[in-house]
């Protein structure tokens, strides 16, 4: 099974959402990407349709934006 990808920037909203996502779908089913620390993943996130973080990209390509923390543009800045 392909994993979901959870993008975040490390803010308190993102960390809380990360914990909830891991509890809901299991650590083995999600790849966590902290784009504040790994800025090389910002373009990949944007190309996947991520407009703000925290966001979960499902294996089918759906993007679930969760409790707006920061726009992708703010993270790039």
Protein backbone atom coordinates (compact mmCIF):
# COMPACT_ATOMS: atom_id res chain seq x y z
CA UNK A 1 0.00 0.00 0.00
CA UNK A 2 1.26 3.44 -0.88
CA UNK A 3 1.65 5.84 2.03
CA UNK A 4 -0.03 9.17 2.57
CA UNK A 5 2.31 12.17 2.85
CA UNK A 6 1.86 14.71 5.63
CA UNK A 7 3.51 18.07 4.99
CA UNK A 8 4.06 20.56 7.79
CA UNK A 9 6.26 23.46 8.79
CA UNK A 10 6.76 22.76 12.48
CA UNK A 11 4.29 25.23 13.98
CA UNK A 12 2.15 24.17 16.97
CA UNK A 13 -0.90 23.66 14.69
CA UNK A 14 1.20 21.40 12.45
CA UNK A 15 2.67 19.36 15.32
CA UNK A 16 -0.78 18.79 16.81
CA UNK A 17 -2.16 17.73 13.43
CA UNK A 18 0.81 15.40 12.89
CA UNK A 19 0.09 13.61 16.16
CA UNK A 20 -3.58 13.26 15.26
CA UNK A 21 -2.81 11.94 11.76
CA UNK A 22 -0.35 9.35 13.11
CA UNK A 23 -2.90 8.26 15.73
CA UNK A 24 -5.65 8.00 13.10
CA UNK A 25 -3.91 6.20 10.26
CA UNK A 26 -0.81 4.75 11.91
CA UNK A 27 2.83 5.74 11.71
CA UNK A 28 3.55 3.07 9.09
CA UNK A 29 0.95 4.51 6.72
CA UNK A 30 2.21 8.08 6.53
CA UNK A 31 5.44 9.78 5.51
CA UNK A 32 6.04 12.95 7.54
CA UNK A 33 7.78 15.81 5.73
CA UNK A 34 8.77 18.92 7.69
CA UNK A 35 9.21 21.44 4.87
CA UNK A 36 10.54 24.01 7.30
CA UNK A 37 13.58 21.78 7.76
CA UNK A 38 13.67 20.16 4.30
CA UNK A 39 12.96 23.06 1.97
CA UNK A 40 13.80 20.92 -1.07
CA UNK A 41 10.36 19.29 -0.64
CA UNK A 42 8.40 22.56 -1.07
CA UNK A 43 8.19 22.21 -4.86
CA UNK A 44 7.07 18.59 -4.54
CA UNK A 45 4.36 19.67 -2.10
CA UNK A 46 3.21 22.45 -4.45
CA UNK A 47 3.17 20.08 -7.42
CA UNK A 48 0.96 17.75 -5.37
CA UNK A 49 -1.53 20.57 -4.84
CA UNK A 50 -0.56 21.65 -1.33
CA UNK A 51 -1.56 25.31 -0.80
CA UNK A 52 -1.06 25.49 2.97
CA UNK A 53 0.31 23.41 5.78
CA UNK A 54 -0.49 21.23 7.56
CA UNK A 55 -1.74 19.12 4.66
CA UNK A 56 -2.16 15.43 3.99
CA UNK A 57 -1.76 14.05 0.47
CA UNK A 58 -3.55 10.71 0.17
CA UNK A 59 -2.27 7.80 -1.93
CA UNK A 60 -4.95 8.64 -4.53
CA UNK A 61 -3.62 12.21 -4.80
CA UNK A 62 -6.30 14.04 -2.84
CA UNK A 63 -4.97 16.94 -0.79
CA UNK A 64 -6.55 17.46 2.61
CA UNK A 65 -5.70 20.88 4.01
CA UNK A 66 -5.95 20.71 7.79
CA UNK A 67 -6.61 23.62 10.16
CA UNK A 68 -4.70 26.35 8.29
CA UNK A 69 -1.29 26.94 9.84
CA UNK A 70 0.67 28.74 7.09
CA UNK A 71 0.37 29.23 3.35
CA UNK A 72 2.96 27.52 1.20
CA UNK A 73 4.05 31.01 0.10
CA UNK A 74 4.77 31.96 3.72
CA UNK A 75 6.85 28.83 4.16
CA UNK A 76 8.83 29.63 1.01
CA UNK A 77 9.57 33.16 2.22
